[in-house]
């Protein structure tokens, strides 16, 4: 059993956040110390501080993109609840899911079992089924998958979005 298997994904994110906060606190202490002592920060520590500032700005930018994609996806979900022709919006759904999760269409339709890609694929499955497509049709659209795979993937996404552990 690996270390990652003993903790839930939430626990791992929380631990990662605590470690990042600790590093940021240490860098802030060093910044304060060297600012008060009228000295220069050691080169290695300066590089770490610069890297952390870059990571913070990149994380904030990624969060803004994710929120925008989430809002777009929510708007699409509302639009699809109005009804219409089954599968009428399939390309819009797939594009929105790809943007939200930061994956390509090729990855979404591919065979990869990496967690971020699987989560995106399962969300696409659930949305396409909710749009009125059959499990078989969704399976064909998403890389010629079996209808039972689509059934399982859509159910997993619904469980996750309801907050029920898998």
N, C-alpha and C. Protein backbone atom coordinates (compact mmCIF):
# COMPACT_ATOMS: atom_id res chain seq x y z
N UNK A 1 0.85 -1.18 0.00
CA UNK A 1 0.00 0.00 0.00
C UNK A 1 0.89 1.24 0.00
N UNK A 2 0.64 2.14 -0.93
CA UNK A 2 1.46 3.35 -1.02
C UNK A 2 0.95 4.40 -0.03
N UNK A 3 1.77 5.40 0.19
CA UNK A 3 1.42 6.49 1.09
C UNK A 3 0.15 7.19 0.62
N UNK A 4 0.02 7.41 -0.69
CA UNK A 4 -1.13 8.12 -1.24
C UNK A 4 -2.42 7.33 -1.03
N UNK A 5 -2.34 6.00 -0.96
CA UNK A 5 -3.54 5.19 -0.80
C UNK A 5 -4.13 5.33 0.60
N UNK A 6 -3.33 5.77 1.58
CA UNK A 6 -3.82 5.83 2.95
C UNK A 6 -4.61 7.09 3.23
N UNK A 7 -4.58 8.07 2.33
CA UNK A 7 -5.29 9.32 2.53
C UNK A 7 -6.23 9.58 1.37
N UNK A 8 -7.30 10.27 1.65
CA UNK A 8 -8.20 10.68 0.57
C UNK A 8 -7.57 11.82 -0.20
N UNK A 9 -8.10 12.10 -1.36
CA UNK A 9 -7.57 13.18 -2.18
C UNK A 9 -7.71 14.52 -1.45
N UNK A 10 -8.79 14.67 -0.70
CA UNK A 10 -9.00 15.90 0.06
C UNK A 10 -7.89 16.07 1.11
N UNK A 11 -7.56 14.97 1.82
CA UNK A 11 -6.50 15.03 2.82
C UNK A 11 -5.17 15.41 2.19
N UNK A 12 -4.88 14.84 1.02
CA UNK A 12 -3.62 15.15 0.36
C UNK A 12 -3.56 16.61 -0.06
N UNK A 13 -4.68 17.16 -0.58
CA UNK A 13 -4.72 18.58 -0.95
C UNK A 13 -4.52 19.46 0.28
N UNK A 14 -5.16 19.07 1.39
CA UNK A 14 -5.04 19.84 2.62
C UNK A 14 -3.59 19.83 3.11
N UNK A 15 -2.96 18.66 3.10
CA UNK A 15 -1.56 18.57 3.52
C UNK A 15 -0.64 19.38 2.61
N UNK A 16 -0.90 19.33 1.31
CA UNK A 16 -0.11 20.10 0.36
C UNK A 16 -0.26 21.59 0.64
N UNK A 17 -1.48 22.02 0.94
CA UNK A 17 -1.74 23.42 1.25
C UNK A 17 -0.99 23.85 2.51
N UNK A 18 -0.98 23.00 3.53
CA UNK A 18 -0.28 23.31 4.77
C UNK A 18 1.21 23.45 4.52
N UNK A 19 1.78 22.55 3.73
CA UNK A 19 3.21 22.62 3.41
C UNK A 19 3.51 23.90 2.63
N UNK A 20 2.67 24.25 1.67
CA UNK A 20 2.88 25.48 0.89
C UNK A 20 2.80 26.70 1.79
N UNK A 21 1.85 26.71 2.73
CA UNK A 21 1.73 27.84 3.65
C UNK A 21 2.96 27.95 4.54
N UNK A 22 3.48 26.79 4.98
CA UNK A 22 4.66 26.78 5.82
C UNK A 22 5.86 27.35 5.06
N UNK A 23 6.02 26.94 3.81
CA UNK A 23 7.12 27.46 3.00
C UNK A 23 6.97 28.96 2.79
N UNK A 24 5.76 29.39 2.50
CA UNK A 24 5.50 30.82 2.30
C UNK A 24 5.81 31.60 3.58
N UNK A 25 5.44 31.04 4.73
CA UNK A 25 5.72 31.69 6.01
C UNK A 25 7.23 31.81 6.24
N UNK A 26 7.97 30.74 5.95
CA UNK A 26 9.43 30.78 6.13
C UNK A 26 10.06 31.83 5.22
N UNK A 27 9.60 31.90 3.98
CA UNK A 27 10.13 32.89 3.05
C UNK A 27 9.81 34.30 3.55
N UNK A 28 8.59 34.50 4.06
CA UNK A 28 8.21 35.81 4.59
C UNK A 28 9.09 36.19 5.77
N UNK A 29 9.38 35.22 6.65
CA UNK A 29 10.28 35.50 7.78
C UNK A 29 11.66 35.92 7.29
N UNK A 30 12.19 35.20 6.31
CA UNK A 30 13.50 35.55 5.77
C UNK A 30 13.47 36.92 5.12
N UNK A 31 12.40 37.22 4.37
CA UNK A 31 12.28 38.54 3.75
C UNK A 31 12.31 39.63 4.81
N UNK A 32 11.54 39.42 5.88
CA UNK A 32 11.49 40.41 6.96
C UNK A 32 12.85 40.56 7.63
N UNK A 33 13.50 39.44 7.88
CA UNK A 33 14.81 39.46 8.53
C UNK A 33 15.82 40.25 7.70
N UNK A 34 15.88 39.93 6.41
CA UNK A 34 16.87 40.60 5.56
C UNK A 34 16.49 42.05 5.27
N UNK A 35 15.21 42.38 5.29
CA UNK A 35 14.81 43.78 5.09
C UNK A 35 15.20 44.61 6.31
N UNK A 36 15.03 44.03 7.52
CA UNK A 36 15.38 44.74 8.75
C UNK A 36 16.89 44.82 8.95
N UNK A 37 17.59 43.80 8.53
CA UNK A 37 19.03 43.75 8.75
C UNK A 37 19.80 44.48 7.66
N UNK A 38 19.07 45.04 6.68
CA UNK A 38 19.69 45.75 5.57
C UNK A 38 20.73 44.85 4.88
N UNK A 39 20.36 43.59 4.69
CA UNK A 39 21.22 42.63 4.02
C UNK A 39 20.48 42.05 2.83
N UNK A 40 21.24 41.39 2.01
CA UNK A 40 20.61 40.74 0.87
C UNK A 40 20.27 39.30 1.22
N UNK A 41 19.17 38.84 0.69
CA UNK A 41 18.74 37.46 0.88
C UNK A 41 19.69 36.55 0.10
N UNK A 42 20.04 35.39 0.65
CA UNK A 42 20.89 34.46 -0.10
C UNK A 42 20.26 34.11 -1.44
N UNK A 43 21.10 33.86 -2.43
CA UNK A 43 20.63 33.64 -3.79
C UNK A 43 19.63 32.49 -3.88
N UNK A 44 19.91 31.38 -3.22
CA UNK A 44 19.00 30.23 -3.27
C UNK A 44 17.63 30.55 -2.70
N UNK A 45 17.62 31.25 -1.57
CA UNK A 45 16.36 31.62 -0.95
C UNK A 45 15.62 32.64 -1.80
N UNK A 46 16.37 33.56 -2.43
CA UNK A 46 15.77 34.55 -3.31
C UNK A 46 15.10 33.85 -4.50
N UNK A 47 15.77 32.83 -5.03
CA UNK A 47 15.20 32.08 -6.15
C UNK A 47 13.91 31.37 -5.74
N UNK A 48 13.91 30.83 -4.52
CA UNK A 48 12.70 30.16 -4.02
C UNK A 48 11.57 31.17 -3.87
N UNK A 49 11.89 32.34 -3.32
CA UNK A 49 10.87 33.38 -3.13
C UNK A 49 10.30 33.83 -4.48
N UNK A 50 11.17 34.03 -5.47
CA UNK A 50 10.71 34.44 -6.79
C UNK A 50 9.85 33.35 -7.43
N UNK A 51 10.26 32.11 -7.26
CA UNK A 51 9.51 30.99 -7.83
C UNK A 51 8.13 30.90 -7.18
N UNK A 52 8.07 31.09 -5.86
CA UNK A 52 6.79 31.03 -5.16
C UNK A 52 5.87 32.16 -5.62
N UNK A 53 6.42 33.36 -5.82
CA UNK A 53 5.60 34.47 -6.31
C UNK A 53 5.06 34.15 -7.71
N UNK A 54 5.91 33.55 -8.55
CA UNK A 54 5.46 33.14 -9.88
C UNK A 54 4.38 32.08 -9.82
N UNK A 55 4.55 31.13 -8.90
CA UNK A 55 3.55 30.07 -8.75
C UNK A 55 2.23 30.63 -8.23
N UNK A 56 2.30 31.59 -7.30
CA UNK A 56 1.08 32.21 -6.79
C UNK A 56 0.31 32.89 -7.91
N UNK A 57 1.02 33.66 -8.74
CA UNK A 57 0.33 34.37 -9.81
C UNK A 57 -0.22 33.39 -10.85
N UNK A 58 0.54 32.33 -11.15
CA UNK A 58 0.06 31.32 -12.10
C UNK A 58 -1.16 30.59 -11.54
N UNK A 59 -1.15 30.31 -10.23
CA UNK A 59 -2.28 29.63 -9.61
C UNK A 59 -3.52 30.53 -9.63
N UNK A 60 -3.33 31.82 -9.37
CA UNK A 60 -4.46 32.74 -9.39
C UNK A 60 -5.04 32.85 -10.80
N UNK A 61 -4.17 32.89 -11.79
CA UNK A 61 -4.61 32.96 -13.18
C UNK A 61 -5.36 31.69 -13.58
N UNK A 62 -4.83 30.54 -13.17
CA UNK A 62 -5.49 29.26 -13.48
C UNK A 62 -6.85 29.18 -12.79
N UNK A 63 -6.93 29.68 -11.57
CA UNK A 63 -8.21 29.68 -10.85
C UNK A 63 -9.23 30.56 -11.55
N UNK A 64 -8.80 31.70 -12.08
CA UNK A 64 -9.72 32.57 -12.81
C UNK A 64 -10.22 31.88 -14.08
N UNK A 65 -9.31 31.19 -14.79
CA UNK A 65 -9.72 30.47 -16.00
C UNK A 65 -10.69 29.35 -15.65
N UNK A 66 -10.42 28.64 -14.55
CA UNK A 66 -11.28 27.55 -14.13
C UNK A 66 -12.66 28.07 -13.76
N UNK A 67 -12.72 29.20 -13.04
CA UNK A 67 -14.01 29.78 -12.66
C UNK A 67 -14.80 30.23 -13.88
N UNK A 68 -14.10 30.80 -14.87
CA UNK A 68 -14.78 31.23 -16.10
C UNK A 68 -15.35 30.02 -16.84
N UNK A 69 -14.55 28.95 -16.91
CA UNK A 69 -15.02 27.74 -17.59
C UNK A 69 -16.17 27.11 -16.82
N UNK A 70 -16.09 27.15 -15.49
CA UNK A 70 -17.16 26.60 -14.66
C UNK A 70 -18.46 27.38 -14.88
N UNK A 71 -18.36 28.71 -14.96
CA UNK A 71 -19.54 29.54 -15.21
C UNK A 71 -20.13 29.23 -16.59
N UNK A 72 -19.25 29.06 -17.57
CA UNK A 72 -19.72 28.73 -18.92
C UNK A 72 -20.42 27.38 -18.93
N UNK A 73 -19.85 26.41 -18.22
CA UNK A 73 -20.44 25.08 -18.15
C UNK A 73 -21.80 25.13 -17.43
N UNK A 74 -21.89 25.91 -16.37
CA UNK A 74 -23.16 26.05 -15.66
C UNK A 74 -24.22 26.66 -16.57
N UNK A 75 -23.81 27.68 -17.34
CA UNK A 75 -24.75 28.30 -18.27
C UNK A 75 -25.21 27.29 -19.33
N UNK A 76 -24.27 26.47 -19.80
CA UNK A 76 -24.64 25.45 -20.79
C UNK A 76 -25.60 24.43 -20.19
N UNK A 77 -25.35 24.04 -18.92
CA UNK A 77 -26.24 23.08 -18.27
C UNK A 77 -27.66 23.64 -18.18
N UNK A 78 -27.77 24.92 -17.82
CA UNK A 78 -29.08 25.55 -17.74
C UNK A 78 -29.75 25.58 -19.12
N UNK A 79 -28.96 25.88 -20.12
CA UNK A 79 -29.48 25.95 -21.48
C UNK A 79 -30.01 24.59 -21.94
N UNK A 80 -29.29 23.52 -21.57
CA UNK A 80 -29.68 22.19 -22.03
C UNK A 80 -30.90 21.66 -21.30
N UNK A 81 -31.17 22.17 -20.10
CA UNK A 81 -32.34 21.72 -19.35
C UNK A 81 -33.64 22.14 -20.05
N UNK A 82 -33.53 23.11 -20.94
CA UNK A 82 -34.71 23.59 -21.63
C UNK A 82 -35.23 22.59 -22.65
N UNK A 83 -34.47 21.58 -22.96
CA UNK A 83 -34.91 20.56 -23.91
C UNK A 83 -34.31 20.80 -25.28
N UNK A 84 -34.92 20.22 -26.28
CA UNK A 84 -34.42 20.38 -27.63
C UNK A 84 -34.12 19.02 -28.23
N UNK A 85 -33.38 19.03 -29.29
CA UNK A 85 -33.02 17.80 -29.99
C UNK A 85 -31.92 17.09 -29.22
N UNK A 86 -32.06 15.78 -28.94
CA UNK A 86 -30.99 15.06 -28.24
C UNK A 86 -29.67 15.16 -29.02
N UNK A 87 -28.60 15.50 -28.32
CA UNK A 87 -27.29 15.57 -28.94
C UNK A 87 -27.05 16.86 -29.71
N UNK A 88 -27.99 17.78 -29.64
CA UNK A 88 -27.89 19.02 -30.38
C UNK A 88 -26.67 19.84 -29.94
N UNK A 89 -26.30 19.71 -28.68
CA UNK A 89 -25.24 20.54 -28.12
C UNK A 89 -23.99 19.73 -27.78
N UNK A 90 -23.82 18.56 -28.36
CA UNK A 90 -22.72 17.68 -27.94
C UNK A 90 -21.35 18.33 -28.09
N UNK A 91 -21.11 19.04 -29.19
CA UNK A 91 -19.79 19.65 -29.39
C UNK A 91 -19.56 20.78 -28.39
N UNK A 92 -20.60 21.55 -28.08
CA UNK A 92 -20.47 22.62 -27.09
C UNK A 92 -20.13 22.03 -25.72
N UNK A 93 -20.78 20.94 -25.37
CA UNK A 93 -20.53 20.29 -24.08
C UNK A 93 -19.09 19.81 -24.01
N UNK A 94 -18.66 19.11 -25.04
CA UNK A 94 -17.30 18.57 -25.05
C UNK A 94 -16.27 19.69 -24.98
N UNK A 95 -16.47 20.76 -25.75
CA UNK A 95 -15.54 21.89 -25.72
C UNK A 95 -15.49 22.53 -24.34
N UNK A 96 -16.66 22.73 -23.71
CA UNK A 96 -16.71 23.35 -22.39
C UNK A 96 -16.02 22.49 -21.34
N UNK A 97 -16.24 21.19 -21.40
CA UNK A 97 -15.60 20.27 -20.44
C UNK A 97 -14.08 20.28 -20.65
N UNK A 98 -13.64 20.28 -21.89
CA UNK A 98 -12.20 20.32 -22.18
C UNK A 98 -11.57 21.59 -21.62
N UNK A 99 -12.24 22.74 -21.82
CA UNK A 99 -11.71 23.99 -21.29
C UNK A 99 -11.69 23.99 -19.77
N UNK A 100 -12.76 23.50 -19.15
CA UNK A 100 -12.84 23.49 -17.69
C UNK A 100 -11.73 22.67 -17.07
N UNK A 101 -11.46 21.51 -17.64
CA UNK A 101 -10.49 20.59 -17.05
C UNK A 101 -9.09 20.74 -17.64
N UNK A 102 -8.96 21.55 -18.68
CA UNK A 102 -7.64 21.76 -19.28
C UNK A 102 -7.11 20.55 -20.02
N UNK A 103 -8.00 19.82 -20.69
CA UNK A 103 -7.58 18.67 -21.49
C UNK A 103 -7.97 18.91 -22.94
N UNK A 104 -7.36 18.16 -23.83
CA UNK A 104 -7.69 18.30 -25.25
C UNK A 104 -8.78 17.30 -25.62
N UNK A 105 -9.36 17.53 -26.77
CA UNK A 105 -10.40 16.62 -27.27
C UNK A 105 -9.79 15.23 -27.50
N UNK A 106 -8.57 15.19 -27.98
CA UNK A 106 -7.90 13.91 -28.23
C UNK A 106 -7.74 13.14 -26.92
N UNK A 107 -7.34 13.85 -25.85
CA UNK A 107 -7.19 13.20 -24.55
C UNK A 107 -8.54 12.71 -24.03
N UNK A 108 -9.58 13.53 -24.22
CA UNK A 108 -10.91 13.17 -23.74
C UNK A 108 -11.42 11.90 -24.42
N UNK A 109 -11.14 11.77 -25.71
CA UNK A 109 -11.60 10.61 -26.47
C UNK A 109 -10.60 9.46 -26.45
N UNK A 110 -9.42 9.69 -25.89
CA UNK A 110 -8.36 8.68 -25.88
C UNK A 110 -8.55 7.63 -24.80
N UNK A 111 -7.51 6.83 -24.61
CA UNK A 111 -7.55 5.70 -23.69
C UNK A 111 -6.86 5.97 -22.35
N UNK A 112 -6.37 7.19 -22.14
CA UNK A 112 -5.64 7.50 -20.93
C UNK A 112 -6.49 7.27 -19.69
N UNK A 113 -5.86 6.77 -18.64
CA UNK A 113 -6.56 6.57 -17.37
C UNK A 113 -5.99 7.49 -16.30
N UNK A 114 -5.34 8.58 -16.71
CA UNK A 114 -4.86 9.57 -15.75
C UNK A 114 -6.07 10.25 -15.12
N UNK A 115 -6.00 10.49 -13.83
CA UNK A 115 -7.16 10.97 -13.06
C UNK A 115 -7.78 12.24 -13.64
N UNK A 116 -7.01 13.29 -13.96
CA UNK A 116 -7.66 14.50 -14.48
C UNK A 116 -8.43 14.25 -15.78
N UNK A 117 -7.90 13.40 -16.62
CA UNK A 117 -8.55 13.10 -17.89
C UNK A 117 -9.80 12.26 -17.66
N UNK A 118 -9.70 11.30 -16.76
CA UNK A 118 -10.86 10.44 -16.44
C UNK A 118 -11.99 11.27 -15.86
N UNK A 119 -11.66 12.21 -14.95
CA UNK A 119 -12.70 13.05 -14.35
C UNK A 119 -13.39 13.90 -15.41
N UNK A 120 -12.61 14.45 -16.34
CA UNK A 120 -13.18 15.25 -17.43
C UNK A 120 -14.07 14.37 -18.31
N UNK A 121 -13.60 13.18 -18.63
CA UNK A 121 -14.37 12.27 -19.48
C UNK A 121 -15.68 11.88 -18.81
N UNK A 122 -15.62 11.60 -17.50
CA UNK A 122 -16.84 11.21 -16.80
C UNK A 122 -17.84 12.36 -16.72
N UNK A 123 -17.34 13.59 -16.56
CA UNK A 123 -18.25 14.73 -16.56
C UNK A 123 -18.90 14.89 -17.93
N UNK A 124 -18.12 14.71 -18.98
CA UNK A 124 -18.67 14.80 -20.33
C UNK A 124 -19.72 13.72 -20.54
N UNK A 125 -19.45 12.52 -20.05
CA UNK A 125 -20.43 11.44 -20.17
C UNK A 125 -21.75 11.81 -19.51
N UNK A 126 -21.67 12.33 -18.28
CA UNK A 126 -22.88 12.68 -17.54
C UNK A 126 -23.65 13.79 -18.26
N UNK A 127 -22.94 14.80 -18.75
CA UNK A 127 -23.62 15.91 -19.42
C UNK A 127 -24.24 15.48 -20.74
N UNK A 128 -23.55 14.62 -21.48
CA UNK A 128 -24.10 14.16 -22.75
C UNK A 128 -25.33 13.28 -22.54
N UNK A 129 -25.30 12.45 -21.51
CA UNK A 129 -26.47 11.62 -21.20
C UNK A 129 -27.63 12.53 -20.78
N UNK A 130 -27.34 13.57 -19.97
CA UNK A 130 -28.38 14.51 -19.55
C UNK A 130 -28.93 15.31 -20.74
N UNK A 131 -28.13 15.43 -21.79
CA UNK A 131 -28.57 16.14 -22.99
C UNK A 131 -29.51 15.29 -23.85
N UNK A 132 -29.69 14.03 -23.46
CA UNK A 132 -30.66 13.20 -24.17
C UNK A 132 -30.06 12.12 -25.03
N UNK A 133 -28.75 11.99 -25.05
CA UNK A 133 -28.13 10.93 -25.85
C UNK A 133 -28.19 9.61 -25.09
N UNK A 134 -28.21 8.52 -25.82
CA UNK A 134 -28.19 7.20 -25.18
C UNK A 134 -26.76 6.89 -24.74
N UNK A 135 -26.63 5.91 -23.86
CA UNK A 135 -25.31 5.51 -23.39
C UNK A 135 -24.44 5.02 -24.55
N UNK A 136 -25.06 4.32 -25.49
CA UNK A 136 -24.33 3.82 -26.65
C UNK A 136 -23.82 4.97 -27.51
N UNK A 137 -24.66 5.98 -27.74
CA UNK A 137 -24.27 7.13 -28.54
C UNK A 137 -23.12 7.89 -27.87
N UNK A 138 -23.23 8.09 -26.56
CA UNK A 138 -22.17 8.79 -25.84
C UNK A 138 -20.87 7.99 -25.93
N UNK A 139 -20.96 6.67 -25.80
CA UNK A 139 -19.77 5.82 -25.91
C UNK A 139 -19.10 5.96 -27.26
N UNK A 140 -19.89 6.03 -28.34
CA UNK A 140 -19.31 6.22 -29.67
C UNK A 140 -18.63 7.57 -29.80
N UNK A 141 -19.27 8.61 -29.26
CA UNK A 141 -18.71 9.96 -29.34
C UNK A 141 -17.38 10.05 -28.59
N UNK A 142 -17.31 9.42 -27.43
CA UNK A 142 -16.12 9.53 -26.58
C UNK A 142 -15.16 8.35 -26.76
N UNK A 143 -14.83 8.05 -27.98
CA UNK A 143 -13.77 7.09 -28.25
C UNK A 143 -14.21 5.65 -28.34
N UNK A 144 -15.41 5.39 -28.80
CA UNK A 144 -15.92 4.03 -29.01
C UNK A 144 -15.86 3.20 -27.73
N UNK A 145 -16.44 3.75 -26.67
CA UNK A 145 -16.50 3.04 -25.40
C UNK A 145 -17.82 2.26 -25.31
N UNK A 146 -17.80 1.24 -24.49
CA UNK A 146 -18.98 0.42 -24.27
C UNK A 146 -20.02 1.21 -23.48
N UNK A 147 -21.30 0.90 -23.69
CA UNK A 147 -22.35 1.66 -23.00
C UNK A 147 -22.27 1.49 -21.48
N UNK A 148 -21.77 0.35 -21.01
CA UNK A 148 -21.67 0.17 -19.56
C UNK A 148 -20.58 1.05 -18.97
N UNK A 149 -19.54 1.34 -19.75
CA UNK A 149 -18.50 2.27 -19.30
C UNK A 149 -19.09 3.66 -19.13
N UNK A 150 -19.93 4.06 -20.06
CA UNK A 150 -20.59 5.37 -19.99
C UNK A 150 -21.54 5.40 -18.79
N UNK A 151 -22.28 4.33 -18.59
CA UNK A 151 -23.20 4.23 -17.45
C UNK A 151 -22.43 4.42 -16.14
N UNK A 152 -21.32 3.71 -16.00
CA UNK A 152 -20.49 3.81 -14.79
C UNK A 152 -19.90 5.21 -14.65
N UNK A 153 -19.35 5.76 -15.73
CA UNK A 153 -18.71 7.08 -15.67
C UNK A 153 -19.69 8.17 -15.29
N UNK A 154 -20.89 8.14 -15.88
CA UNK A 154 -21.91 9.15 -15.56
C UNK A 154 -22.34 9.02 -14.09
N UNK A 155 -22.48 7.79 -13.63
CA UNK A 155 -22.87 7.57 -12.23
C UNK A 155 -21.79 8.05 -11.28
N UNK A 156 -20.52 7.81 -11.61
CA UNK A 156 -19.41 8.28 -10.78
C UNK A 156 -19.42 9.80 -10.69
N UNK A 157 -19.64 10.46 -11.82
CA UNK A 157 -19.66 11.92 -11.80
C UNK A 157 -20.81 12.44 -10.94
N UNK A 158 -21.97 11.82 -11.05
CA UNK A 158 -23.12 12.25 -10.25
C UNK A 158 -22.85 12.04 -8.76
N UNK A 159 -22.20 10.92 -8.42
CA UNK A 159 -21.85 10.68 -7.01
C UNK A 159 -20.89 11.74 -6.50
N UNK A 160 -19.87 12.03 -7.32
CA UNK A 160 -18.87 13.02 -6.92
C UNK A 160 -19.49 14.40 -6.75
N UNK A 161 -20.36 14.78 -7.68
CA UNK A 161 -20.96 16.11 -7.60
C UNK A 161 -21.97 16.20 -6.45
N UNK A 162 -22.50 15.05 -6.01
CA UNK A 162 -23.40 15.03 -4.85
C UNK A 162 -22.61 14.96 -3.54
N UNK A 163 -21.30 14.78 -3.64
CA UNK A 163 -20.45 14.72 -2.44
C UNK A 163 -20.37 13.36 -1.80
N UNK A 164 -20.84 12.33 -2.49
CA UNK A 164 -20.77 10.97 -1.96
C UNK A 164 -19.43 10.37 -2.33
N UNK A 165 -18.67 9.83 -1.36
CA UNK A 165 -17.38 9.23 -1.72
C UNK A 165 -17.55 8.01 -2.63
N UNK A 166 -16.61 7.86 -3.56
CA UNK A 166 -16.70 6.75 -4.54
C UNK A 166 -16.32 5.44 -3.93
